[in-house]
Amino acid sequence: MAIPKQDTDVFPALQGLEAGDSSVRLRAALALGTSPDPRFVDKLIERCAIEPEFSVRDMLTWALTRHPASMTVPALVEEVRSERAQARSQALHTLSKIGDRRAWPAITRALLRDADDEVARSAWRAAVVLVPDGEVPELAAVLSTQLGRGGREMRLSLSRALVALGEVIVPTLRAAMTDPGPRVRAHAIATEKLLRDPDAGMAFAIEEAKRVVALGGAGEGE
């Protein structure tokens, strides 16, 4: 019995995801996204959890976005509960790219506060995309608990997530400006500056916020 041509194309591409050469894996992910097929979904998600190369992971995410959300979202929601940090992070990243709000209940407080920085950053980005309008203030409150966390890139990721929520974050930021921790206060001030002037740049905003904190202030409106 002859094997359908579609199947002869599918299996080499699936095998290519496990090749030692990252360029081969990249081409395989591209092929699987170019010709979407229900049989690809589980393998693409499985590979996301272990793929070491960023460019290949990005292509795997793209390939998943090419498949119907009705097939990918339930599997990705299950993946955000994985014990493997990369699996959680990449699943969250992919959910943010798909943008289907049915995934919102999967964005738990635990993920938004995940001890792994990449998981937390991915959760912040996904939350901003998926949050229902009525739950934006609560999300802002949860995200504000992470103010002052990590290095410059981590703080920038959080500021961008908060700024994307809009003016609703202002009361939360003002409350954080009275926090006992100087890092929290400086981050809150810097985030409000970015909200008011998105072109200011995070480096400038942080340095200005540090100056304000050092002088004992809490920003504009005191």
N, C-alpha and C. Protein backbone atom coordinates (compact mmCIF):
# COMPACT_ATOMS: atom_id res chain seq x y z
N MET A 1 0.85 -1.20 0.00
CA MET A 1 0.00 0.00 0.00
C MET A 1 0.88 1.24 0.00
N ALA A 2 0.56 2.17 -0.88
CA ALA A 2 1.35 3.39 -0.99
C ALA A 2 1.08 4.31 0.20
N ILE A 3 2.15 4.94 0.72
CA ILE A 3 2.01 5.92 1.81
C ILE A 3 1.66 7.27 1.21
N PRO A 4 0.60 7.92 1.68
CA PRO A 4 0.25 9.24 1.14
C PRO A 4 1.42 10.20 1.22
N LYS A 5 1.56 11.04 0.20
CA LYS A 5 2.68 11.98 0.16
C LYS A 5 2.69 12.87 1.40
N GLN A 6 1.51 13.25 1.90
CA GLN A 6 1.45 14.11 3.08
C GLN A 6 2.20 13.47 4.25
N ASP A 7 2.04 12.14 4.40
CA ASP A 7 2.71 11.45 5.50
C ASP A 7 4.21 11.36 5.26
N THR A 8 4.63 11.19 4.02
CA THR A 8 6.07 11.13 3.74
C THR A 8 6.72 12.47 4.01
N ASP A 9 5.96 13.57 3.94
CA ASP A 9 6.49 14.90 4.25
C ASP A 9 6.49 15.15 5.77
N VAL A 10 5.49 14.61 6.46
CA VAL A 10 5.31 14.88 7.88
C VAL A 10 6.42 14.27 8.72
N PHE A 11 6.69 13.01 8.53
CA PHE A 11 7.58 12.31 9.44
C PHE A 11 9.02 12.80 9.40
N PRO A 12 9.59 13.13 8.24
CA PRO A 12 10.94 13.70 8.26
C PRO A 12 11.00 15.04 9.00
N ALA A 13 9.94 15.85 8.89
CA ALA A 13 9.92 17.14 9.58
C ALA A 13 9.86 16.93 11.08
N LEU A 14 9.05 15.98 11.52
CA LEU A 14 8.96 15.69 12.96
C LEU A 14 10.30 15.18 13.48
N GLN A 15 10.94 14.33 12.71
CA GLN A 15 12.25 13.81 13.11
C GLN A 15 13.29 14.93 13.14
N GLY A 16 13.12 15.90 12.24
CA GLY A 16 14.06 17.01 12.17
C GLY A 16 14.09 17.86 13.42
N LEU A 17 13.00 17.84 14.20
CA LEU A 17 12.96 18.61 15.44
C LEU A 17 13.97 18.10 16.47
N GLU A 18 14.42 16.87 16.28
CA GLU A 18 15.36 16.26 17.23
C GLU A 18 16.77 16.19 16.68
N ALA A 19 17.02 16.82 15.55
CA ALA A 19 18.35 16.79 14.95
C ALA A 19 19.37 17.52 15.83
N GLY A 20 20.62 17.11 15.74
CA GLY A 20 21.67 17.75 16.52
C GLY A 20 22.00 19.15 16.03
N ASP A 21 21.76 19.41 14.76
CA ASP A 21 22.05 20.71 14.14
C ASP A 21 20.86 21.64 14.33
N SER A 22 21.09 22.79 14.98
CA SER A 22 19.98 23.71 15.25
C SER A 22 19.35 24.25 13.97
N SER A 23 20.13 24.38 12.89
CA SER A 23 19.57 24.88 11.63
C SER A 23 18.58 23.88 11.04
N VAL A 24 18.84 22.60 11.27
CA VAL A 24 17.91 21.57 10.80
C VAL A 24 16.62 21.64 11.63
N ARG A 25 16.76 21.83 12.92
CA ARG A 25 15.57 21.95 13.78
C ARG A 25 14.76 23.18 13.41
N LEU A 26 15.45 24.27 13.08
CA LEU A 26 14.77 25.50 12.68
C LEU A 26 13.96 25.28 11.40
N ARG A 27 14.56 24.62 10.43
CA ARG A 27 13.85 24.34 9.16
C ARG A 27 12.68 23.40 9.39
N ALA A 28 12.85 22.45 10.31
CA ALA A 28 11.76 21.51 10.60
C ALA A 28 10.58 22.24 11.22
N ALA A 29 10.85 23.14 12.17
CA ALA A 29 9.77 23.91 12.79
C ALA A 29 9.07 24.79 11.76
N LEU A 30 9.86 25.38 10.86
CA LEU A 30 9.28 26.20 9.79
C LEU A 30 8.36 25.36 8.91
N ALA A 31 8.81 24.17 8.56
CA ALA A 31 8.01 23.30 7.70
C ALA A 31 6.71 22.89 8.39
N LEU A 32 6.78 22.61 9.68
CA LEU A 32 5.58 22.18 10.40
C LEU A 32 4.59 23.31 10.59
N GLY A 33 5.08 24.54 10.62
CA GLY A 33 4.19 25.68 10.71
C GLY A 33 3.63 26.08 9.35
N THR A 34 4.40 25.84 8.31
CA THR A 34 3.97 26.20 6.96
C THR A 34 2.82 25.32 6.50
N SER A 35 2.82 24.06 6.95
CA SER A 35 1.74 23.12 6.58
C SER A 35 1.13 22.55 7.86
N PRO A 36 0.30 23.32 8.54
CA PRO A 36 -0.24 22.89 9.84
C PRO A 36 -0.98 21.55 9.75
N ASP A 37 -0.85 20.77 10.82
CA ASP A 37 -1.49 19.46 10.86
C ASP A 37 -1.73 19.12 12.33
N PRO A 38 -2.90 18.58 12.68
CA PRO A 38 -3.18 18.26 14.08
C PRO A 38 -2.13 17.36 14.72
N ARG A 39 -1.48 16.53 13.90
CA ARG A 39 -0.49 15.60 14.44
C ARG A 39 0.78 16.31 14.92
N PHE A 40 0.94 17.57 14.56
CA PHE A 40 2.17 18.29 14.93
C PHE A 40 2.12 18.87 16.34
N VAL A 41 0.92 19.16 16.83
CA VAL A 41 0.79 20.01 18.02
C VAL A 41 1.53 19.46 19.23
N ASP A 42 1.28 18.21 19.58
CA ASP A 42 1.91 17.65 20.77
C ASP A 42 3.43 17.65 20.65
N LYS A 43 3.92 17.32 19.49
CA LYS A 43 5.37 17.26 19.30
C LYS A 43 6.00 18.65 19.38
N LEU A 44 5.33 19.64 18.81
CA LEU A 44 5.84 21.02 18.88
C LEU A 44 5.91 21.50 20.32
N ILE A 45 4.87 21.22 21.09
CA ILE A 45 4.85 21.65 22.49
C ILE A 45 5.90 20.90 23.29
N GLU A 46 6.03 19.62 23.02
CA GLU A 46 7.05 18.81 23.70
C GLU A 46 8.45 19.35 23.44
N ARG A 47 8.69 19.77 22.20
CA ARG A 47 10.01 20.28 21.85
C ARG A 47 10.28 21.64 22.49
N CYS A 48 9.24 22.45 22.63
CA CYS A 48 9.40 23.76 23.27
C CYS A 48 10.00 23.63 24.67
N ALA A 49 9.68 22.57 25.35
CA ALA A 49 10.10 22.40 26.74
C ALA A 49 11.59 22.12 26.88
N ILE A 50 12.22 21.65 25.79
CA ILE A 50 13.63 21.22 25.89
C ILE A 50 14.55 21.88 24.88
N GLU A 51 14.00 22.63 23.93
CA GLU A 51 14.82 23.24 22.87
C GLU A 51 15.77 24.28 23.46
N PRO A 52 17.09 24.13 23.23
CA PRO A 52 18.05 25.07 23.84
C PRO A 52 18.23 26.38 23.08
N GLU A 53 17.90 26.42 21.80
CA GLU A 53 18.17 27.61 20.99
C GLU A 53 16.96 28.53 20.93
N PHE A 54 17.20 29.82 21.25
CA PHE A 54 16.10 30.79 21.25
C PHE A 54 15.42 30.88 19.90
N SER A 55 16.21 30.96 18.82
CA SER A 55 15.62 31.14 17.48
C SER A 55 14.73 29.96 17.11
N VAL A 56 15.11 28.76 17.53
CA VAL A 56 14.29 27.59 17.24
C VAL A 56 13.01 27.62 18.09
N ARG A 57 13.15 28.00 19.37
CA ARG A 57 11.96 28.10 20.22
C ARG A 57 10.97 29.11 19.64
N ASP A 58 11.50 30.20 19.12
CA ASP A 58 10.63 31.21 18.54
C ASP A 58 9.89 30.66 17.32
N MET A 59 10.58 29.86 16.52
CA MET A 59 9.95 29.25 15.35
C MET A 59 8.93 28.20 15.78
N LEU A 60 9.22 27.47 16.85
CA LEU A 60 8.25 26.50 17.37
C LEU A 60 6.97 27.21 17.80
N THR A 61 7.12 28.34 18.47
CA THR A 61 5.95 29.14 18.88
C THR A 61 5.18 29.59 17.64
N TRP A 62 5.89 30.09 16.64
CA TRP A 62 5.22 30.51 15.41
C TRP A 62 4.45 29.35 14.79
N ALA A 63 5.07 28.19 14.76
CA ALA A 63 4.41 27.01 14.18
C ALA A 63 3.13 26.68 14.94
N LEU A 64 3.17 26.81 16.25
CA LEU A 64 1.96 26.54 17.04
C LEU A 64 0.86 27.57 16.78
N THR A 65 1.24 28.81 16.56
CA THR A 65 0.23 29.84 16.26
C THR A 65 -0.46 29.60 14.93
N ARG A 66 0.14 28.79 14.08
CA ARG A 66 -0.45 28.48 12.78
C ARG A 66 -1.54 27.42 12.87
N HIS A 67 -1.65 26.78 14.04
CA HIS A 67 -2.65 25.75 14.24
C HIS A 67 -3.87 26.36 14.94
N PRO A 68 -5.03 25.74 14.83
CA PRO A 68 -6.24 26.28 15.46
C PRO A 68 -6.07 26.39 16.98
N ALA A 69 -6.51 27.51 17.54
CA ALA A 69 -6.41 27.72 18.98
C ALA A 69 -7.17 26.64 19.76
N SER A 70 -8.23 26.13 19.16
CA SER A 70 -9.02 25.09 19.84
C SER A 70 -8.19 23.84 20.11
N MET A 71 -7.12 23.67 19.32
CA MET A 71 -6.24 22.52 19.50
C MET A 71 -5.05 22.85 20.39
N THR A 72 -4.51 24.04 20.22
CA THR A 72 -3.26 24.37 20.91
C THR A 72 -3.47 24.88 22.34
N VAL A 73 -4.50 25.70 22.54
CA VAL A 73 -4.67 26.35 23.85
C VAL A 73 -4.85 25.35 24.99
N PRO A 74 -5.72 24.34 24.88
CA PRO A 74 -5.84 23.39 25.99
C PRO A 74 -4.53 22.68 26.33
N ALA A 75 -3.76 22.33 25.31
CA ALA A 75 -2.48 21.65 25.55
C ALA A 75 -1.47 22.58 26.20
N LEU A 76 -1.47 23.84 25.78
CA LEU A 76 -0.55 24.82 26.36
C LEU A 76 -0.93 25.16 27.79
N VAL A 77 -2.22 25.24 28.06
CA VAL A 77 -2.69 25.48 29.43
C VAL A 77 -2.21 24.36 30.36
N GLU A 78 -2.25 23.15 29.87
CA GLU A 78 -1.73 22.02 30.65
C GLU A 78 -0.23 22.16 30.87
N GLU A 79 0.46 22.67 29.89
CA GLU A 79 1.92 22.80 29.95
C GLU A 79 2.37 23.85 30.96
N VAL A 80 1.58 24.87 31.20
CA VAL A 80 2.00 25.89 32.17
C VAL A 80 2.04 25.34 33.59
N ARG A 81 1.53 24.14 33.78
CA ARG A 81 1.59 23.49 35.10
C ARG A 81 2.80 22.57 35.22
N SER A 82 3.62 22.53 34.19
CA SER A 82 4.79 21.64 34.18
C SER A 82 5.77 21.99 35.29
N GLU A 83 6.50 20.99 35.76
CA GLU A 83 7.56 21.23 36.74
C GLU A 83 8.80 21.82 36.07
N ARG A 84 8.90 21.71 34.75
CA ARG A 84 10.06 22.22 34.02
C ARG A 84 9.85 23.71 33.71
N ALA A 85 10.77 24.55 34.18
CA ALA A 85 10.60 26.00 34.03
C ALA A 85 10.51 26.41 32.56
N GLN A 86 11.33 25.84 31.70
CA GLN A 86 11.29 26.23 30.29
C GLN A 86 9.95 25.86 29.65
N ALA A 87 9.38 24.75 30.07
CA ALA A 87 8.07 24.36 29.54
C ALA A 87 7.02 25.41 29.91
N ARG A 88 7.04 25.84 31.18
CA ARG A 88 6.09 26.86 31.62
C ARG A 88 6.31 28.17 30.87
N SER A 89 7.55 28.58 30.79
CA SER A 89 7.87 29.86 30.15
C SER A 89 7.47 29.88 28.68
N GLN A 90 7.81 28.83 27.95
CA GLN A 90 7.52 28.82 26.52
C GLN A 90 6.03 28.67 26.25
N ALA A 91 5.35 27.91 27.10
CA ALA A 91 3.90 27.78 26.93
C ALA A 91 3.21 29.13 27.16
N LEU A 92 3.64 29.85 28.18
CA LEU A 92 3.09 31.18 28.44
C LEU A 92 3.38 32.13 27.29
N HIS A 93 4.61 32.08 26.79
CA HIS A 93 4.98 32.93 25.67
C HIS A 93 4.09 32.64 24.46
N THR A 94 3.86 31.36 24.19
CA THR A 94 3.04 30.98 23.04
C THR A 94 1.59 31.41 23.24
N LEU A 95 1.08 31.27 24.45
CA LEU A 95 -0.29 31.72 24.73
C LEU A 95 -0.43 33.22 24.51
N SER A 96 0.62 33.98 24.85
CA SER A 96 0.55 35.42 24.63
C SER A 96 0.52 35.75 23.14
N LYS A 97 1.16 34.92 22.32
CA LYS A 97 1.16 35.14 20.88
C LYS A 97 -0.16 34.72 20.25
N ILE A 98 -0.77 33.68 20.79
CA ILE A 98 -2.08 33.23 20.27
C ILE A 98 -3.16 34.24 20.66
N GLY A 99 -3.11 34.72 21.91
CA GLY A 99 -4.02 35.78 22.34
C GLY A 99 -5.45 35.35 22.58
N ASP A 100 -5.67 34.08 22.83
CA ASP A 100 -7.03 33.58 23.09
C ASP A 100 -7.33 33.71 24.57
N ARG A 101 -8.31 34.55 24.92
CA ARG A 101 -8.60 34.84 26.32
C ARG A 101 -9.18 33.66 27.09
N ARG A 102 -9.50 32.59 26.42
CA ARG A 102 -9.94 31.40 27.15
C ARG A 102 -8.81 30.84 28.01
N ALA A 103 -7.59 31.26 27.72
CA ALA A 103 -6.44 30.79 28.50
C ALA A 103 -6.23 31.59 29.78
N TRP A 104 -6.98 32.69 29.96
CA TRP A 104 -6.75 33.57 31.10
C TRP A 104 -6.76 32.85 32.46
N PRO A 105 -7.70 31.94 32.74
CA PRO A 105 -7.69 31.29 34.05
C PRO A 105 -6.39 30.55 34.38
N ALA A 106 -5.61 30.23 33.36
CA ALA A 106 -4.34 29.52 33.59
C ALA A 106 -3.26 30.44 34.13
N ILE A 107 -3.46 31.77 34.00
CA ILE A 107 -2.45 32.73 34.46
C ILE A 107 -2.68 32.98 35.95
N THR A 108 -2.12 32.13 36.76
CA THR A 108 -2.36 32.17 38.20
C THR A 108 -1.41 33.16 38.89
N ARG A 109 -1.75 33.49 40.13
CA ARG A 109 -0.86 34.33 40.93
C ARG A 109 0.50 33.66 41.10
N ALA A 110 0.48 32.34 41.23
CA ALA A 110 1.74 31.61 41.40
C ALA A 110 2.65 31.81 40.20
N LEU A 111 2.09 31.80 39.00
CA LEU A 111 2.91 32.02 37.80
C LEU A 111 3.40 33.46 37.73
N LEU A 112 2.56 34.40 38.11
CA LEU A 112 2.97 35.81 38.08
C LEU A 112 4.07 36.10 39.09
N ARG A 113 4.20 35.23 40.09
CA ARG A 113 5.23 35.38 41.11
C ARG A 113 6.25 34.25 41.04
N ASP A 114 6.29 33.53 39.94
CA ASP A 114 7.15 32.36 39.82
C ASP A 114 8.60 32.69 40.19
N ALA A 115 9.25 31.78 40.90
CA ALA A 115 10.63 32.01 41.32
C ALA A 115 11.59 32.07 40.15
N ASP A 116 11.25 31.44 39.04
CA ASP A 116 12.09 31.50 37.84
C ASP A 116 11.80 32.80 37.09
N ASP A 117 12.81 33.60 36.87
CA ASP A 117 12.61 34.92 36.25
C ASP A 117 11.98 34.83 34.87
N GLU A 118 12.42 33.88 34.04
CA GLU A 118 11.88 33.79 32.68
C GLU A 118 10.41 33.38 32.69
N VAL A 119 10.05 32.52 33.61
CA VAL A 119 8.64 32.14 33.73
C VAL A 119 7.81 33.34 34.15
N ALA A 120 8.29 34.07 35.15
CA ALA A 120 7.55 35.24 35.63
C ALA A 120 7.40 36.27 34.51
N ARG A 121 8.47 36.56 33.79
CA ARG A 121 8.40 37.55 32.70
C ARG A 121 7.40 37.11 31.64
N SER A 122 7.43 35.82 31.29
CA SER A 122 6.48 35.31 30.29
C SER A 122 5.05 35.40 30.80
N ALA A 123 4.87 35.14 32.10
CA ALA A 123 3.53 35.24 32.69
C ALA A 123 3.03 36.68 32.67
N TRP A 124 3.92 37.64 32.95
CA TRP A 124 3.51 39.05 32.92
C TRP A 124 3.03 39.44 31.53
N ARG A 125 3.82 39.05 30.52
CA ARG A 125 3.44 39.41 29.14
C ARG A 125 2.13 38.75 28.74
N ALA A 126 1.98 37.49 29.09
CA ALA A 126 0.74 36.78 28.73
C ALA A 126 -0.45 37.39 29.45
N ALA A 127 -0.27 37.74 30.71
CA ALA A 127 -1.37 38.29 31.50
C ALA A 127 -1.89 39.59 30.89
N VAL A 128 -0.98 40.44 30.46
CA VAL A 128 -1.37 41.73 29.89
C VAL A 128 -2.20 41.53 28.61
N VAL A 129 -1.87 40.50 27.84
CA VAL A 129 -2.59 40.22 26.60
C VAL A 129 -3.95 39.59 26.88
N LEU A 130 -4.01 38.71 27.87
CA LEU A 130 -5.20 37.88 28.06
C LEU A 130 -6.20 38.39 29.10
N VAL A 131 -5.79 39.33 29.94
CA VAL A 131 -6.66 39.75 31.05
C VAL A 131 -7.98 40.34 30.56
N PRO A 132 -9.10 39.89 31.13
CA PRO A 132 -10.40 40.51 30.81
C PRO A 132 -10.43 41.93 31.36
N ASP A 133 -11.20 42.79 30.73
CA ASP A 133 -11.24 44.20 31.12
C ASP A 133 -11.56 44.38 32.60
N GLY A 134 -12.48 43.60 33.12
CA GLY A 134 -12.91 43.77 34.50
C GLY A 134 -11.89 43.35 35.53
N GLU A 135 -10.85 42.65 35.11
CA GLU A 135 -9.86 42.13 36.06
C GLU A 135 -8.52 42.86 35.98
N VAL A 136 -8.48 43.96 35.22
CA VAL A 136 -7.24 44.70 35.07
C VAL A 136 -6.74 45.29 36.39
N PRO A 137 -7.60 45.92 37.22
CA PRO A 137 -7.10 46.46 38.49
C PRO A 137 -6.49 45.40 39.39
N GLU A 138 -7.11 44.24 39.45
CA GLU A 138 -6.58 43.16 40.28
C GLU A 138 -5.23 42.69 39.75
N LEU A 139 -5.11 42.58 38.42
CA LEU A 139 -3.83 42.19 37.83
C LEU A 139 -2.76 43.22 38.18
N ALA A 140 -3.09 44.50 38.08
CA ALA A 140 -2.13 45.55 38.41
C ALA A 140 -1.65 45.40 39.85
N ALA A 141 -2.57 45.06 40.74
CA ALA A 141 -2.21 44.90 42.16
C ALA A 141 -1.25 43.72 42.35
N VAL A 142 -1.52 42.63 41.64
CA VAL A 142 -0.64 41.46 41.77
C VAL A 142 0.74 41.76 41.19
N LEU A 143 0.77 42.38 40.01
CA LEU A 143 2.06 42.71 39.39
C LEU A 143 2.87 43.67 40.25
N SER A 144 2.18 44.55 40.97
CA SER A 144 2.90 45.53 41.78
C SER A 144 3.67 44.87 42.92
N THR A 145 3.28 43.65 43.29
CA THR A 145 4.01 42.95 44.35
C THR A 145 5.40 42.53 43.89
N GLN A 146 5.65 42.63 42.58
CA GLN A 146 6.95 42.24 42.03
C GLN A 146 7.86 43.45 41.78
N LEU A 147 7.40 44.63 42.11
CA LEU A 147 8.23 45.83 41.94
C LEU A 147 9.53 45.69 42.73
N GLY A 148 10.62 46.08 42.10
CA GLY A 148 11.93 45.98 42.73
C GLY A 148 12.62 44.66 42.50
N ARG A 149 11.97 43.73 41.83
CA ARG A 149 12.54 42.40 41.63
C ARG A 149 13.59 42.39 40.54
N GLY A 150 14.69 41.71 40.80
CA GLY A 150 15.69 41.40 39.78
C GLY A 150 16.51 42.57 39.29
N GLY A 151 17.20 42.32 38.17
CA GLY A 151 18.06 43.33 37.57
C GLY A 151 17.30 44.25 36.63
N ARG A 152 18.07 45.02 35.86
CA ARG A 152 17.47 46.04 34.99
C ARG A 152 16.47 45.45 33.99
N GLU A 153 16.84 44.34 33.33
CA GLU A 153 15.96 43.77 32.32
C GLU A 153 14.67 43.24 32.95
N MET A 154 14.81 42.66 34.12
CA MET A 154 13.62 42.15 34.81
C MET A 154 12.69 43.30 35.19
N ARG A 155 13.26 44.36 35.72
CA ARG A 155 12.45 45.50 36.12
C ARG A 155 11.81 46.18 34.91
N LEU A 156 12.54 46.22 33.81
CA LEU A 156 11.99 46.80 32.58
C LEU A 156 10.80 45.98 32.08
N SER A 157 10.92 44.65 32.14
CA SER A 157 9.81 43.79 31.71
C SER A 157 8.56 44.05 32.53
N LEU A 158 8.74 44.19 33.84
CA LEU A 158 7.59 44.44 34.69
C LEU A 158 7.00 45.82 34.42
N SER A 159 7.87 46.82 34.27
CA SER A 159 7.37 48.17 33.97
C SER A 159 6.57 48.19 32.68
N ARG A 160 7.07 47.52 31.66
CA ARG A 160 6.36 47.47 30.38
C ARG A 160 5.00 46.81 30.54
N ALA A 161 4.94 45.74 31.32
CA ALA A 161 3.67 45.05 31.54
C ALA A 161 2.69 45.98 32.25
N LEU A 162 3.16 46.64 33.28
CA LEU A 162 2.29 47.56 34.03
C LEU A 162 1.83 48.72 33.15
N VAL A 163 2.75 49.32 32.41
CA VAL A 163 2.41 50.45 31.55
C VAL A 163 1.37 50.04 30.51
N ALA A 164 1.45 48.81 30.02
CA ALA A 164 0.48 48.33 29.03
C ALA A 164 -0.93 48.29 29.58
N LEU A 165 -1.08 48.26 30.90
CA LEU A 165 -2.41 48.24 31.50
C LEU A 165 -3.04 49.62 31.56
N GLY A 166 -2.23 50.66 31.39
CA GLY A 166 -2.76 52.02 31.32
C GLY A 166 -2.90 52.71 32.66
N GLU A 167 -3.73 53.73 32.69
CA GLU A 167 -3.86 54.61 33.86
C GLU A 167 -4.33 53.90 35.12
N VAL A 168 -4.92 52.72 34.96
CA VAL A 168 -5.42 52.00 36.12
C VAL A 168 -4.30 51.67 37.10
N ILE A 169 -3.05 51.69 36.63
CA ILE A 169 -1.93 51.32 37.52
C ILE A 169 -1.50 52.45 38.44
N VAL A 170 -1.96 53.67 38.19
CA VAL A 170 -1.46 54.83 38.95
C VAL A 170 -1.68 54.70 40.45
N PRO A 171 -2.89 54.39 40.93
CA PRO A 171 -3.06 54.26 42.39
C PRO A 171 -2.15 53.19 42.99
N THR A 172 -1.97 52.10 42.28
CA THR A 172 -1.09 51.03 42.76
C THR A 172 0.35 51.50 42.85
N LEU A 173 0.79 52.25 41.83
CA LEU A 173 2.16 52.77 41.83
C LEU A 173 2.35 53.78 42.95
N ARG A 174 1.36 54.63 43.15
CA ARG A 174 1.48 55.64 44.21
C ARG A 174 1.59 54.97 45.58
N ALA A 175 0.86 53.88 45.77
CA ALA A 175 0.96 53.15 47.03
C ALA A 175 2.35 52.55 47.19
N ALA A 176 2.90 52.03 46.10
CA ALA A 176 4.23 51.42 46.15
C ALA A 176 5.33 52.45 46.41
N MET A 177 5.04 53.71 46.09
CA MET A 177 6.03 54.77 46.32
C MET A 177 6.25 55.05 47.81
N THR A 178 5.40 54.49 48.65
CA THR A 178 5.57 54.65 50.10
C THR A 178 6.11 53.37 50.74
N ASP A 179 6.49 52.40 49.92
CA ASP A 179 7.00 51.13 50.43
C ASP A 179 8.30 51.35 51.21
N PRO A 180 8.55 50.59 52.26
CA PRO A 180 9.80 50.74 53.02
C PRO A 180 11.05 50.44 52.20
N GLY A 181 10.92 49.61 51.17
CA GLY A 181 12.09 49.23 50.37
C GLY A 181 12.43 50.27 49.32
N PRO A 182 13.67 50.80 49.30
CA PRO A 182 14.03 51.81 48.30
C PRO A 182 13.98 51.28 46.87
N ARG A 183 14.27 49.99 46.66
CA ARG A 183 14.20 49.43 45.30
C ARG A 183 12.76 49.45 44.78
N VAL A 184 11.83 49.12 45.68
CA VAL A 184 10.42 49.13 45.29
C VAL A 184 9.97 50.55 44.97
N ARG A 185 10.34 51.48 45.83
CA ARG A 185 9.95 52.88 45.59
C ARG A 185 10.52 53.39 44.28
N ALA A 186 11.81 53.13 44.05
CA ALA A 186 12.45 53.61 42.83
C ALA A 186 11.82 53.00 41.59
N HIS A 187 11.50 51.71 41.67
CA HIS A 187 10.88 51.03 40.52
C HIS A 187 9.49 51.59 40.24
N ALA A 188 8.73 51.86 41.29
CA ALA A 188 7.39 52.43 41.12
C ALA A 188 7.47 53.81 40.48
N ILE A 189 8.40 54.64 40.94
CA ILE A 189 8.57 55.98 40.37
C ILE A 189 8.99 55.89 38.91
N ALA A 190 9.95 55.00 38.62
CA ALA A 190 10.42 54.84 37.24
C ALA A 190 9.28 54.37 36.33
N THR A 191 8.44 53.49 36.83
CA THR A 191 7.33 52.97 36.02
C THR A 191 6.32 54.07 35.71
N GLU A 192 6.03 54.90 36.71
CA GLU A 192 5.10 56.01 36.44
C GLU A 192 5.70 56.98 35.43
N LYS A 193 6.99 57.21 35.50
CA LYS A 193 7.63 58.10 34.52
C LYS A 193 7.51 57.53 33.11
N LEU A 194 7.66 56.22 33.00
CA LEU A 194 7.50 55.58 31.70
C LEU A 194 6.06 55.67 31.21
N LEU A 195 5.12 55.57 32.13
CA LEU A 195 3.71 55.71 31.76
C LEU A 195 3.45 57.11 31.19
N ARG A 196 4.02 58.12 31.84
CA ARG A 196 3.82 59.51 31.42
C ARG A 196 4.61 59.84 30.17
N ASP A 197 5.80 59.24 30.04
CA ASP A 197 6.69 59.55 28.92
C ASP A 197 7.34 58.26 28.42
N PRO A 198 6.65 57.51 27.55
CA PRO A 198 7.17 56.23 27.07
C PRO A 198 8.51 56.34 26.37
N ASP A 199 8.85 57.52 25.88
CA ASP A 199 10.12 57.69 25.16
C ASP A 199 11.28 58.02 26.10
N ALA A 200 11.00 58.13 27.39
CA ALA A 200 12.05 58.53 28.33
C ALA A 200 13.16 57.49 28.41
N GLY A 201 12.81 56.22 28.30
CA GLY A 201 13.81 55.17 28.40
C GLY A 201 13.95 54.70 29.84
N MET A 202 14.06 53.39 30.01
CA MET A 202 14.10 52.83 31.35
C MET A 202 15.34 53.25 32.11
N ALA A 203 16.48 53.31 31.44
CA ALA A 203 17.73 53.66 32.14
C ALA A 203 17.60 55.04 32.78
N PHE A 204 17.10 56.01 31.98
CA PHE A 204 16.93 57.36 32.51
C PHE A 204 15.91 57.37 33.64
N ALA A 205 14.79 56.66 33.45
CA ALA A 205 13.73 56.66 34.45
C ALA A 205 14.22 56.07 35.77
N ILE A 206 15.01 55.01 35.71
CA ILE A 206 15.51 54.39 36.94
C ILE A 206 16.48 55.31 37.65
N GLU A 207 17.40 55.92 36.90
CA GLU A 207 18.36 56.81 37.53
C GLU A 207 17.68 58.01 38.17
N GLU A 208 16.67 58.55 37.48
CA GLU A 208 15.91 59.67 38.03
C GLU A 208 15.15 59.24 39.27
N ALA A 209 14.59 58.03 39.23
CA ALA A 209 13.85 57.52 40.38
C ALA A 209 14.77 57.32 41.57
N LYS A 210 15.97 56.82 41.33
CA LYS A 210 16.94 56.64 42.42
C LYS A 210 17.27 57.99 43.06
N ARG A 211 17.40 59.01 42.22
CA ARG A 211 17.72 60.35 42.74
C ARG A 211 16.58 60.85 43.63
N VAL A 212 15.34 60.63 43.16
CA VAL A 212 14.19 61.07 43.94
C VAL A 212 14.14 60.35 45.29
N VAL A 213 14.36 59.04 45.26
CA VAL A 213 14.34 58.25 46.49
C VAL A 213 15.44 58.71 47.44
N ALA A 214 16.62 58.96 46.88
CA ALA A 214 17.76 59.39 47.71
C ALA A 214 17.45 60.73 48.40
N LEU A 215 16.66 61.55 47.72
CA LEU A 215 16.29 62.86 48.30
C LEU A 215 15.10 62.76 49.24
N GLY A 216 14.56 61.54 49.34
CA GLY A 216 13.46 61.34 50.28
C GLY A 216 12.08 61.61 49.74
N GLY A 217 11.98 61.78 48.41
CA GLY A 217 10.68 62.07 47.81
C GLY A 217 9.99 60.83 47.29
N ALA A 218 8.79 61.01 46.75
CA ALA A 218 8.04 59.90 46.17
C ALA A 218 7.47 60.30 44.83
N GLY A 219 8.19 61.15 44.12
CA GLY A 219 7.75 61.49 42.78
C GLY A 219 6.76 62.63 42.75
N GLU A 220 6.19 62.84 41.56
CA GLU A 220 5.25 63.93 41.36
C GLU A 220 3.98 63.71 42.15
N GLY A 221 3.40 64.77 42.57
CA GLY A 221 2.10 64.67 43.24
C GLY A 221 2.21 64.53 44.74
N GLU A 222 3.46 64.60 45.29
CA GLU A 222 3.59 64.49 46.73
C GLU A 222 3.08 65.75 47.41
